[in-house]
Amino acid sequence: MRKIVLGLLLLISLTGFSQKNQINVLSNEKTLGKSLIDSSEIKGLEYVFPERIHETFIDTTNGFLTVQLRGLRKEKWLSNTGNIIQYDIKNQKVLWSKKIAYQSSNLQQFSNTMIYTVANKSYCLDIITGNELWEVKNNIYFVDPIDNIGIGYKFKSSTGYSNELEGIDLKNGNVLWKRDLNREYGWNDVFYTNDSTMIVVAAGLHSIDIKTGKGWDYNTITGKKDYTGTAAANAVGVGLGLLTGTFVMSTGHDLVRDLVSNTITDSSSIYLASKEQLVKIDKQSGETIWKFPFSNDLASKSSIFMNDSVIFMINKGMAFMGYRQLDFGKPFFAAFDRQTGKQKYLSLINVKDDPILSYQIQNREIFLVFKNRISKYSMETGNLIAEKDFPKDNVGELKYFVGNQVFITNQNGDLMSLPQSDSTKVFVFTSQGKTLSIDSELNISKTIEYDDLSIYYLRTKNFKFIAKDKKTLVINNTGQRIAEIDATSNAFLIGNTLYDTQDKSFVTIDLSEMIKNE
């Protein structure tokens, strides 16, 4: 039955490849804000599509807007199918449309290159017609838009996806290079060390010359097979996934992933923690400069950061299986000498099944947030300074520390960053939508409602864009309020034009007059 359903989804994806102009897009001019300097109206253009907009990509060079539509079932769950629409904004017409099955397909776009992946094949589509230019038996993971090279794993009919990574010339689909790279636990990160060398974090660190595929490998353990004790919970995850449309079934084993940290770098080295060890790797050669091994089943998903001569590590005591969070390993806070890797301290946090959710540094102390508890540790010694429980019935479950992008209006009516409004406090967001102001003794000094907060999401040379719900306030560098615009915190700026997506609508707002007058 599952094979039949998958086959139907693939059929939907493939048979939608030649639809022409069957979808109507309504366009109209609309007042989308006002100047707070002279009260003049700010006009914009609204493009209304027949369904909820899932993702967009705009190429301002040719004026093409690529829109993926994905509606809601029973106004609650994402539909499994939808449409890709290529819309010509300049001429206000649909160039082409295709059906897409989101469980088995995805679309990536980079300037004039559009890659459409269906199950085990990737297609390059002509952006004007939607026709296939070439296809490869490869699920392209990543695209380098400068060199126009895609990277993905070779699909073999006999065994499925292999560990054979291929570099694909996106002009013609030809394979430029091949290389083995473990894909079992997915990719955790990709970053560049120079114009042509990228580092893939996948069961370790792997340097790849984007043009040749050559480079060094550092292999380590970032996952675990045959994880027991989660069968019932995994079954719940399957049910939820079928409802939301985000379900991905693992094959063969229950795979626990993300037993790894973020990477940090300095001028010559890369630092990474895994289930196995914390290491310092030479960027150029891939040689291990030092390593600190962890005892079995201690380390899990973690965060590392650098402070002068010390590498700090916060092990969260969690991992993921599919999209589900699991309790795994043990929470701890540790510090290591940056030059030698020697452990300065490791403070094990003796709690069971209670992972660290968030952390914040303040005055050489580190605050850790758990579901219903906050702890404070010394960064000098690793010793516990204070700890306090926060009953769920009173404040809800604790979630994370609020960052500097969250703004609040102060007593003078000025907008300012919430954490910077009182440097003696830390601010924690809860499941009830409240933000708790926590003092140095871990007492709640104030509770801030969600409706009182705004999000600072965009900055230009002269302006800040701060959103609350579906309204954006534009202020200048002196704090003066310049304009109010109908735009969310998802809006983005290209040149002098602000773009935003709101349900079924895509809007463009020309801000050139506002910018010119400043």
Protein backbone atom coordinates (compact mmCIF):
# COMPACT_ATOMS: atom_id res chain seq x y z
CA MET A 1 0.00 0.00 0.00
CA ARG A 2 2.82 2.39 0.92
CA LYS A 3 4.51 1.73 -2.43
CA ILE A 4 1.24 2.52 -4.25
CA VAL A 5 0.84 5.82 -2.39
CA LEU A 6 4.47 6.78 -3.10
CA GLY A 7 3.95 5.88 -6.74
CA LEU A 8 0.89 8.13 -6.94
CA LEU A 9 2.82 11.01 -5.36
CA LEU A 10 5.60 10.60 -7.92
CA LEU A 11 3.02 10.48 -10.70
CA ILE A 12 1.51 13.75 -9.47
CA SER A 13 4.97 15.33 -9.46
CA LEU A 14 5.91 14.17 -12.93
CA THR A 15 2.62 14.60 -14.77
CA GLY A 16 2.36 18.22 -13.67
CA PHE A 17 5.30 19.14 -15.89
CA SER A 18 3.44 20.84 -18.73
CA GLN A 19 0.60 22.84 -17.24
CA LYS A 20 0.32 26.31 -18.80
CA ASN A 21 -1.45 29.35 -17.37
CA GLN A 22 -4.13 27.39 -15.51
CA ILE A 23 -3.72 29.46 -12.35
CA ASN A 24 -4.93 33.04 -12.05
CA VAL A 25 -3.00 35.66 -10.08
CA LEU A 26 -4.76 38.91 -9.20
CA SER A 27 -2.66 42.07 -8.98
CA ASN A 28 -3.63 45.48 -7.66
CA GLU A 29 -2.16 48.65 -6.23
CA LYS A 30 -2.79 49.02 -2.53
CA THR A 31 -2.05 51.39 0.32
CA LEU A 32 0.39 49.48 2.52
CA GLY A 33 1.56 52.09 4.97
CA LYS A 34 2.01 55.73 5.79
CA SER A 35 4.80 58.16 6.44
CA LEU A 36 5.00 59.32 10.05
CA ILE A 37 6.84 62.43 8.88
CA ASP A 38 4.24 63.96 6.54
CA SER A 39 1.33 61.45 6.81
CA SER A 40 1.56 60.61 3.09
CA GLU A 41 0.43 57.17 1.95
CA ILE A 42 2.94 54.47 1.06
CA LYS A 43 1.70 52.52 -1.94
CA GLY A 44 2.58 49.00 -2.95
CA LEU A 45 1.57 46.20 -5.28
CA GLU A 46 -0.23 43.08 -4.07
CA TYR A 47 -0.26 39.79 -5.97
CA VAL A 48 -2.96 37.41 -4.74
CA PHE A 49 -2.57 33.69 -5.43
CA PRO A 50 -5.34 31.06 -5.19
CA GLU A 51 -3.79 29.27 -2.19
CA ARG A 52 -1.52 29.87 0.79
CA ILE A 53 2.05 30.74 -0.23
CA HIS A 54 4.56 28.24 1.14
CA GLU A 55 7.85 29.61 -0.26
CA THR A 56 8.98 32.28 -2.73
CA PHE A 57 12.05 33.22 -4.73
CA ILE A 58 12.32 36.48 -6.64
CA ASP A 59 14.84 37.23 -9.37
CA THR A 60 14.87 41.03 -9.64
CA THR A 61 17.06 40.93 -12.77
CA ASN A 62 14.36 39.46 -15.00
CA GLY A 63 11.37 40.21 -12.77
CA PHE A 64 10.35 36.57 -12.25
CA LEU A 65 8.69 35.41 -9.04
CA THR A 66 8.72 31.68 -8.23
CA VAL A 67 5.95 30.74 -5.80
CA GLN A 68 5.25 27.39 -4.14
CA LEU A 69 1.64 27.06 -3.02
CA ARG A 70 0.72 24.71 -0.19
CA GLY A 71 -2.71 24.91 1.38
CA LEU A 72 -3.98 23.72 4.73
CA ARG A 73 -6.24 20.74 5.32
CA LYS A 74 -9.06 21.46 7.77
CA GLU A 75 -7.27 24.78 8.43
CA LYS A 76 -4.74 22.94 10.56
CA TRP A 77 -2.37 20.65 8.66
CA LEU A 78 -0.21 21.33 5.64
CA SER A 79 -1.38 19.68 2.43
CA ASN A 80 0.92 17.09 0.92
CA THR A 81 0.50 18.50 -2.58
CA GLY A 82 0.52 21.95 -4.14
CA ASN A 83 1.71 23.94 -7.13
CA ILE A 84 4.87 25.66 -8.33
CA ILE A 85 4.10 28.87 -10.22
CA GLN A 86 6.51 30.95 -12.29
CA TYR A 87 5.08 34.47 -12.46
CA ASP A 88 6.30 37.36 -14.61
CA ILE A 89 5.88 40.43 -12.38
CA LYS A 90 6.77 42.94 -15.10
CA ASN A 91 4.13 41.65 -17.49
CA GLN A 92 1.79 40.35 -14.76
CA LYS A 93 1.25 36.88 -16.19
CA VAL A 94 1.79 33.24 -15.23
CA LEU A 95 4.55 31.72 -17.36
CA TRP A 96 3.99 28.13 -16.24
CA SER A 97 2.87 25.98 -13.32
CA LYS A 98 3.52 22.45 -12.09
CA LYS A 99 2.07 20.24 -9.42
CA ILE A 100 4.38 19.22 -6.59
CA ALA A 101 4.13 16.44 -3.99
CA TYR A 102 5.94 17.85 -0.96
CA GLN A 103 6.59 14.48 0.68
CA SER A 104 8.74 13.32 -2.22
CA SER A 105 9.83 16.52 -3.98
CA ASN A 106 11.56 19.84 -3.41
CA LEU A 107 12.58 22.90 -5.38
CA GLN A 108 15.78 24.93 -5.06
CA GLN A 109 16.53 28.12 -6.97
CA PHE A 110 19.74 30.12 -7.33
CA SER A 111 19.50 33.09 -9.71
CA ASN A 112 18.84 31.55 -13.15
CA THR A 113 19.31 27.94 -12.00
CA MET A 114 16.25 25.98 -10.84
CA ILE A 115 16.70 22.45 -9.49
CA TYR A 116 13.61 20.27 -9.01
CA THR A 117 14.18 17.01 -7.15
CA VAL A 118 11.67 14.16 -7.26
CA ALA A 119 12.55 11.10 -5.15
CA ASN A 120 15.80 9.81 -6.66
CA LYS A 121 16.24 12.26 -9.56
CA SER A 122 17.09 15.94 -9.87
CA TYR A 123 16.00 18.00 -12.86
CA CYS A 124 17.23 21.39 -14.04
CA LEU A 125 14.23 23.41 -15.23
CA ASP A 126 14.14 26.22 -17.75
CA ILE A 127 12.94 29.20 -15.71
CA ILE A 128 10.91 30.64 -18.63
CA THR A 129 9.15 27.48 -19.83
CA GLY A 130 9.45 25.03 -16.91
CA ASN A 131 10.78 22.38 -19.30
CA GLU A 132 13.50 19.96 -18.26
CA LEU A 133 16.97 20.90 -19.48
CA TRP A 134 18.69 17.80 -18.05
CA GLU A 135 18.27 15.17 -15.33
CA VAL A 136 20.58 13.20 -13.06
CA LYS A 137 20.07 10.20 -10.78
CA ASN A 138 21.12 12.26 -7.82
CA ASN A 139 19.39 14.08 -4.99
CA ILE A 140 21.21 17.43 -5.04
CA TYR A 141 21.87 18.55 -1.45
CA PHE A 142 23.72 21.80 -1.99
CA VAL A 143 24.44 24.32 -4.74
CA ASP A 144 27.41 26.64 -5.16
CA PRO A 145 25.87 29.54 -7.11
CA ILE A 146 29.23 31.15 -7.96
CA ASP A 147 30.77 28.13 -9.70
CA ASN A 148 27.32 26.79 -10.66
CA ILE A 149 28.04 23.34 -9.23
CA GLY A 150 25.52 21.15 -7.41
CA ILE A 151 26.48 18.47 -4.89
CA GLY A 152 24.47 15.37 -4.07
CA TYR A 153 24.48 11.62 -3.64
CA LYS A 154 24.37 9.12 -6.49
CA PHE A 155 21.25 6.93 -6.61
CA LYS A 156 21.81 3.29 -7.60
CA SER A 157 18.84 1.18 -8.65
CA SER A 158 20.12 -1.89 -6.82
CA THR A 159 20.96 -0.32 -3.44
CA GLY A 160 19.29 3.12 -3.35
CA TYR A 161 21.24 6.18 -2.26
CA SER A 162 24.93 5.47 -1.82
CA ASN A 163 27.70 7.33 -0.01
CA GLU A 164 29.06 8.36 -3.42
CA LEU A 165 28.96 12.16 -3.50
CA GLU A 166 28.98 13.79 -6.93
CA GLY A 167 29.75 17.30 -8.14
CA ILE A 168 27.31 18.20 -10.95
CA ASP A 169 27.88 20.91 -13.57
CA LEU A 170 24.56 22.78 -13.43
CA LYS A 171 24.94 24.04 -17.00
CA ASN A 172 24.54 20.56 -18.48
CA GLY A 173 24.16 17.95 -15.71
CA ASN A 174 27.58 16.39 -16.33
CA VAL A 175 29.38 14.78 -13.38
CA LEU A 176 32.57 16.72 -12.63
CA TRP A 177 33.89 14.59 -9.76
CA LYS A 178 33.02 11.77 -7.35
CA ARG A 179 33.93 11.09 -3.74
CA ASP A 180 32.78 8.86 -0.87
CA LEU A 181 31.25 10.76 2.08
CA ASN A 182 29.11 9.17 4.80
CA ARG A 183 25.47 10.32 4.55
CA GLU A 184 23.96 8.00 7.17
CA TYR A 185 23.18 10.71 9.72
CA GLY A 186 22.67 13.54 7.26
CA TRP A 187 24.54 16.82 6.99
CA ASN A 188 24.73 19.05 10.07
CA ASP A 189 26.35 22.09 8.47
CA VAL A 190 28.20 23.45 5.43
CA PHE A 191 30.56 26.44 5.42
CA TYR A 192 33.44 27.83 3.38
CA THR A 193 37.05 28.37 4.50
CA ASN A 194 37.97 30.19 1.26
CA ASP A 195 36.43 30.92 -2.16
CA SER A 196 36.75 27.35 -3.42
CA THR A 197 36.95 25.13 -0.31
CA MET A 198 33.90 24.11 1.66
CA ILE A 199 33.64 22.09 4.88
CA VAL A 200 30.81 19.57 5.22
CA VAL A 201 29.89 18.51 8.76
CA ALA A 202 28.59 14.95 8.34
CA ALA A 203 29.82 12.19 10.65
CA GLY A 204 32.87 14.41 11.09
CA LEU A 205 34.48 17.16 9.02
CA HIS A 206 35.25 16.93 5.30
CA SER A 207 36.97 19.58 3.19
CA ILE A 208 35.85 19.68 -0.45
CA ASP A 209 37.34 21.64 -3.30
CA ILE A 210 34.12 22.60 -5.08
CA LYS A 211 35.72 22.20 -8.55
CA THR A 212 37.58 18.91 -8.03
CA GLY A 213 35.95 17.23 -5.01
CA LYS A 214 39.34 16.66 -3.40
CA GLY A 215 40.09 17.31 0.26
CA TRP A 216 40.75 15.83 3.68
CA ASP A 217 38.48 13.84 6.02
CA TYR A 218 38.10 13.75 9.78
CA ASN A 219 35.66 10.98 10.77
CA THR A 220 33.89 10.79 14.12
CA ILE A 221 30.69 9.40 15.69
CA THR A 222 27.68 11.75 15.41
CA GLY A 223 24.83 9.20 15.62
CA LYS A 224 23.80 5.81 16.88
CA LYS A 225 22.02 2.81 15.35
CA ASP A 226 19.61 0.37 16.92
CA TYR A 227 18.44 2.79 19.57
CA THR A 228 16.10 0.95 21.97
CA GLY A 229 13.29 2.13 24.18
CA THR A 230 11.64 4.45 21.67
CA ALA A 231 9.37 2.17 19.65
CA ALA A 232 6.13 3.40 21.18
CA ALA A 233 7.14 7.05 21.01
CA ASN A 234 8.30 6.59 17.42
CA ALA A 235 4.88 5.19 16.53
CA VAL A 236 3.34 8.41 17.86
CA GLY A 237 5.78 10.34 15.70
CA VAL A 238 4.60 8.39 12.65
CA GLY A 239 0.99 9.32 13.34
CA LEU A 240 1.82 12.97 13.83
CA GLY A 241 3.89 12.99 10.66
CA LEU A 242 1.04 11.62 8.57
CA LEU A 243 -1.16 14.44 9.84
CA THR A 244 1.33 17.25 9.31
CA GLY A 245 2.87 16.07 6.06
CA THR A 246 6.40 16.22 7.48
CA PHE A 247 6.88 12.53 8.21
CA VAL A 248 10.15 10.90 7.12
CA MET A 249 10.50 7.18 7.74
CA SER A 250 13.94 5.81 8.58
CA THR A 251 14.87 2.58 6.83
CA GLY A 252 16.49 -0.43 8.48
CA HIS A 253 17.40 1.08 11.85
CA ASP A 254 16.14 3.63 14.30
CA LEU A 255 18.83 6.23 13.74
CA VAL A 256 19.65 8.75 16.44
CA ARG A 257 21.27 11.84 14.90
CA ASP A 258 22.70 15.23 15.85
CA LEU A 259 25.17 13.92 18.45
CA VAL A 260 27.38 16.82 17.48
CA SER A 261 28.03 20.49 18.22
CA ASN A 262 28.23 23.57 16.07
CA THR A 263 31.65 24.35 14.61
CA ILE A 264 33.78 27.32 15.61
CA THR A 265 36.88 28.51 13.79
CA ASP A 266 39.88 30.75 14.25
CA SER A 267 42.45 31.79 11.65
CA SER A 268 43.94 28.31 11.29
CA SER A 269 41.74 25.77 13.10
CA ILE A 270 38.26 24.24 13.36
CA TYR A 271 36.77 23.02 16.66
CA LEU A 272 34.03 20.37 16.87
CA ALA A 273 32.49 18.18 19.58
CA SER A 274 30.86 14.82 18.81
CA LYS A 275 29.58 11.85 20.77
CA GLU A 276 33.15 10.59 20.69
CA GLN A 277 35.38 13.59 21.44
CA LEU A 278 36.12 17.31 21.29
CA VAL A 279 38.78 18.13 18.68
CA LYS A 280 40.86 20.91 17.19
CA ILE A 281 41.54 20.33 13.48
CA ASP A 282 43.99 22.14 11.19
CA LYS A 283 41.97 23.88 8.45
CA GLN A 284 44.47 23.27 5.67
CA SER A 285 45.66 19.71 6.33
CA GLY A 286 42.80 18.19 8.34
CA GLU A 287 45.30 16.95 10.91
CA THR A 288 44.11 16.58 14.51
CA ILE A 289 45.97 19.12 16.67
CA TRP A 290 44.44 17.79 19.89
CA LYS A 291 41.46 15.76 21.05
CA PHE A 292 39.63 15.18 24.32
CA PRO A 293 37.71 11.85 24.41
CA PHE A 294 34.36 11.44 26.19
CA SER A 295 33.23 8.36 28.08
CA ASN A 296 30.55 6.23 26.45
CA ASP A 297 27.02 7.74 26.29
CA LEU A 298 28.07 10.99 27.96
CA ALA A 299 28.07 13.49 25.08
CA SER A 300 25.11 14.27 22.82
CA LYS A 301 23.91 17.39 21.00
CA SER A 302 26.01 20.27 22.27
CA SER A 303 27.06 23.88 21.81
CA ILE A 304 30.64 25.13 21.91
CA PHE A 305 31.96 28.69 22.03
CA MET A 306 35.31 30.40 22.46
CA ASN A 307 36.33 32.99 25.02
CA ASP A 308 39.96 34.11 24.80
CA SER A 309 42.09 31.03 25.56
CA VAL A 310 39.21 28.74 26.58
CA ILE A 311 36.78 26.53 24.63
CA PHE A 312 33.51 26.11 26.53
CA MET A 313 31.10 23.24 25.90
CA ILE A 314 27.46 22.91 26.91
CA ASN A 315 26.26 19.34 26.41
CA LYS A 316 22.47 19.49 26.21
CA GLY A 317 21.55 15.87 26.99
CA MET A 318 19.39 15.49 23.88
CA ALA A 319 19.42 14.16 20.32
CA PHE A 320 16.96 13.68 17.45
CA MET A 321 15.39 10.72 15.71
CA GLY A 322 13.71 11.98 12.56
CA TYR A 323 12.20 15.26 13.75
CA ARG A 324 11.59 14.02 17.29
CA GLN A 325 13.67 15.19 20.23
CA LEU A 326 15.02 12.44 22.53
CA ASP A 327 16.69 12.46 25.92
CA PHE A 328 20.24 11.22 25.24
CA GLY A 329 23.57 11.46 27.06
CA LYS A 330 23.96 13.64 30.14
CA PRO A 331 23.81 17.43 30.49
CA PHE A 332 27.14 19.02 31.47
CA PHE A 333 29.10 22.27 31.31
CA ALA A 334 32.84 22.06 30.58
CA ALA A 335 35.89 24.16 29.73
CA PHE A 336 39.07 23.23 27.85
CA ASP A 337 42.37 24.97 27.14
CA ARG A 338 42.22 26.24 23.55
CA GLN A 339 45.89 25.52 22.81
CA THR A 340 46.32 22.09 24.44
CA GLY A 341 42.81 20.65 24.82
CA LYS A 342 43.44 20.02 28.52
CA GLN A 343 40.21 19.90 30.54
CA LYS A 344 39.89 22.78 33.03
CA TYR A 345 36.66 21.40 34.51
CA LEU A 346 33.58 19.32 33.64
CA SER A 347 30.47 19.94 35.73
CA LEU A 348 28.05 17.06 35.35
CA ILE A 349 24.44 18.10 35.92
CA ASN A 350 22.75 15.31 37.83
CA VAL A 351 19.27 15.34 36.36
CA LYS A 352 17.50 12.58 34.48
CA ASP A 353 15.68 13.18 31.20
CA ASP A 354 15.85 16.97 31.51
CA PRO A 355 17.92 18.48 28.67
CA ILE A 356 19.41 21.98 28.55
CA LEU A 357 17.19 24.08 26.27
CA SER A 358 19.06 27.38 26.12
CA TYR A 359 21.99 29.28 27.62
CA GLN A 360 23.13 32.86 28.09
CA ILE A 361 26.39 34.42 29.28
CA GLN A 362 26.42 37.40 31.60
CA ASN A 363 29.30 38.81 33.67
CA ARG A 364 31.45 35.66 33.46
CA GLU A 365 28.50 33.55 34.56
CA ILE A 366 26.43 31.23 32.43
CA PHE A 367 22.68 30.76 32.86
CA LEU A 368 21.16 27.43 31.75
CA VAL A 369 17.45 26.94 31.06
CA PHE A 370 15.71 23.60 31.56
CA LYS A 371 12.00 22.84 31.14
CA ASN A 372 11.09 23.98 34.66
CA ARG A 373 14.40 25.18 36.12
CA ILE A 374 17.17 27.75 35.71
CA SER A 375 20.75 27.18 36.88
CA LYS A 376 23.68 29.60 37.07
CA TYR A 377 27.33 28.48 36.87
CA SER A 378 30.69 30.22 37.21
CA MET A 379 32.63 30.28 33.95
CA GLU A 380 35.88 30.49 35.94
CA THR A 381 35.43 27.36 38.06
CA GLY A 382 32.43 25.52 36.59
CA ASN A 383 30.79 25.53 40.03
CA LEU A 384 27.05 25.89 40.51
CA ILE A 385 26.21 29.35 41.91
CA ALA A 386 22.42 29.24 42.10
CA GLU A 387 19.49 27.13 40.98
CA LYS A 388 15.74 27.59 41.09
CA ASP A 389 12.62 25.67 40.05
CA PHE A 390 9.79 27.36 38.13
CA PRO A 391 6.56 25.35 38.50
CA LYS A 392 4.79 24.74 35.21
CA ASP A 393 1.39 25.64 36.70
CA ASN A 394 2.64 29.15 37.49
CA VAL A 395 4.56 30.21 34.36
CA GLY A 396 4.29 27.36 31.84
CA GLU A 397 7.32 25.47 30.53
CA LEU A 398 10.50 27.49 30.05
CA LYS A 399 11.68 27.62 26.41
CA TYR A 400 14.71 29.84 25.68
CA PHE A 401 16.49 33.09 26.46
CA VAL A 402 15.30 36.12 24.52
CA GLY A 403 17.88 37.64 22.16
CA ASN A 404 18.81 41.22 21.29
CA GLN A 405 16.46 41.20 18.28
CA VAL A 406 13.46 41.41 20.63
CA PHE A 407 12.42 45.03 21.27
CA ILE A 408 10.14 46.69 23.82
CA THR A 409 8.83 50.23 24.28
CA ASN A 410 10.39 51.87 27.34
CA GLN A 411 8.83 54.43 29.70
CA ASN A 412 9.79 57.29 27.36
CA GLY A 413 8.01 55.65 24.45
CA ASP A 414 11.28 54.70 22.71
CA LEU A 415 11.88 51.28 21.21
CA MET A 416 14.93 49.45 22.49
CA SER A 417 16.33 45.93 22.73
CA LEU A 418 14.77 44.07 25.67
CA PRO A 419 18.04 42.46 26.96
CA GLN A 420 19.81 45.82 26.66
CA SER A 421 17.02 47.60 28.54
CA ASP A 422 18.32 46.09 31.80
CA SER A 423 21.76 44.48 31.75
CA THR A 424 21.27 43.10 35.28
CA LYS A 425 18.49 40.76 34.11
CA VAL A 426 18.12 37.80 31.77
CA PHE A 427 14.86 37.25 29.91
CA VAL A 428 13.25 33.84 29.39
CA PHE A 429 10.37 33.02 27.04
CA THR A 430 7.77 30.47 28.21
CA SER A 431 5.16 28.17 26.63
CA GLN A 432 2.45 30.58 27.80
CA GLY A 433 3.85 33.29 25.51
CA LYS A 434 5.20 35.27 28.44
CA THR A 435 8.71 36.62 28.93
CA LEU A 436 10.12 36.42 32.46
CA SER A 437 12.62 39.02 33.66
CA ILE A 438 15.02 37.09 35.92
CA ASP A 439 17.39 38.82 38.36
CA SER A 440 20.79 37.62 39.62
CA GLU A 441 19.13 35.64 42.42
CA LEU A 442 16.93 33.86 39.84
CA ASN A 443 13.79 35.62 41.04
CA ILE A 444 11.10 36.85 38.64
CA SER A 445 11.20 40.64 38.77
CA LYS A 446 8.67 41.23 35.99
CA THR A 447 6.48 39.35 33.50
CA ILE A 448 6.18 40.78 29.98
CA GLU A 449 3.29 39.82 27.71
CA TYR A 450 3.94 38.71 24.14
CA ASP A 451 1.80 41.55 22.76
CA ASP A 452 4.25 44.05 24.25
CA LEU A 453 7.19 42.71 22.22
CA SER A 454 8.40 43.56 18.72
CA ILE A 455 10.98 41.87 16.45
CA TYR A 456 13.90 43.83 14.96
CA TYR A 457 14.43 41.91 11.70
CA LEU A 458 16.10 44.19 9.16
CA ARG A 459 18.66 46.96 9.11
CA THR A 460 19.94 49.29 6.40
CA LYS A 461 22.52 52.06 6.65
CA ASN A 462 19.99 54.54 8.01
CA PHE A 463 16.96 52.51 9.13
CA LYS A 464 15.79 49.74 11.44
CA PHE A 465 12.69 47.67 10.62
CA ILE A 466 10.83 46.42 13.70
CA ALA A 467 7.72 44.24 13.39
CA LYS A 468 4.79 43.50 15.66
CA ASP A 469 2.30 41.02 14.24
CA LYS A 470 1.72 42.21 10.64
CA LYS A 471 2.92 45.78 11.12
CA THR A 472 6.45 47.10 10.66
CA LEU A 473 7.71 50.30 12.23
CA VAL A 474 10.64 51.98 10.47
CA ILE A 475 12.90 54.12 12.65
CA ASN A 476 16.10 55.98 11.80
CA ASN A 477 19.43 55.82 13.61
CA THR A 478 18.36 58.49 16.08
CA GLY A 479 15.24 56.50 17.05
CA GLN A 480 12.82 58.78 15.18
CA ARG A 481 9.76 56.96 13.82
CA ILE A 482 9.76 57.36 10.05
CA ALA A 483 7.01 55.11 8.71
CA GLU A 484 4.52 52.37 9.52
CA ILE A 485 4.15 49.60 6.92
CA ASP A 486 1.90 46.54 6.54
CA ALA A 487 4.71 43.96 6.62
CA THR A 488 5.72 41.03 8.84
CA SER A 489 9.10 40.06 10.27
CA ASN A 490 9.54 37.75 7.25
CA ALA A 491 9.85 40.75 4.90
CA PHE A 492 13.15 41.30 3.05
CA LEU A 493 14.71 44.18 1.17
CA ILE A 494 16.33 44.13 -2.27
CA GLY A 495 17.54 47.54 -3.37
CA ASN A 496 14.86 50.02 -2.33
CA THR A 497 11.98 47.53 -2.53
CA LEU A 498 10.55 45.66 0.45
CA TYR A 499 8.99 42.23 -0.27
CA ASP A 500 6.68 40.27 2.03
CA THR A 501 4.45 37.20 2.01
CA GLN A 502 1.15 37.17 3.90
CA ASP A 503 -1.03 34.07 3.53
CA LYS A 504 -2.09 34.11 -0.15
CA SER A 505 -0.55 37.50 -0.96
CA PHE A 506 2.91 38.57 -2.09
CA VAL A 507 3.48 42.33 -1.74
CA THR A 508 6.12 44.73 -3.05
CA ILE A 509 6.60 48.16 -1.47
CA ASP A 510 8.81 50.79 -3.11
CA LEU A 511 10.63 52.66 -0.33
CA SER A 512 12.79 54.83 -2.59
CA GLU A 513 10.93 58.04 -1.65
CA MET A 514 11.29 57.35 2.07
CA ILE A 515 14.98 56.52 1.69
CA LYS A 516 15.58 59.55 -0.56
CA ASN A 517 13.97 61.92 1.92
CA GLU A 518 16.08 60.77 4.86
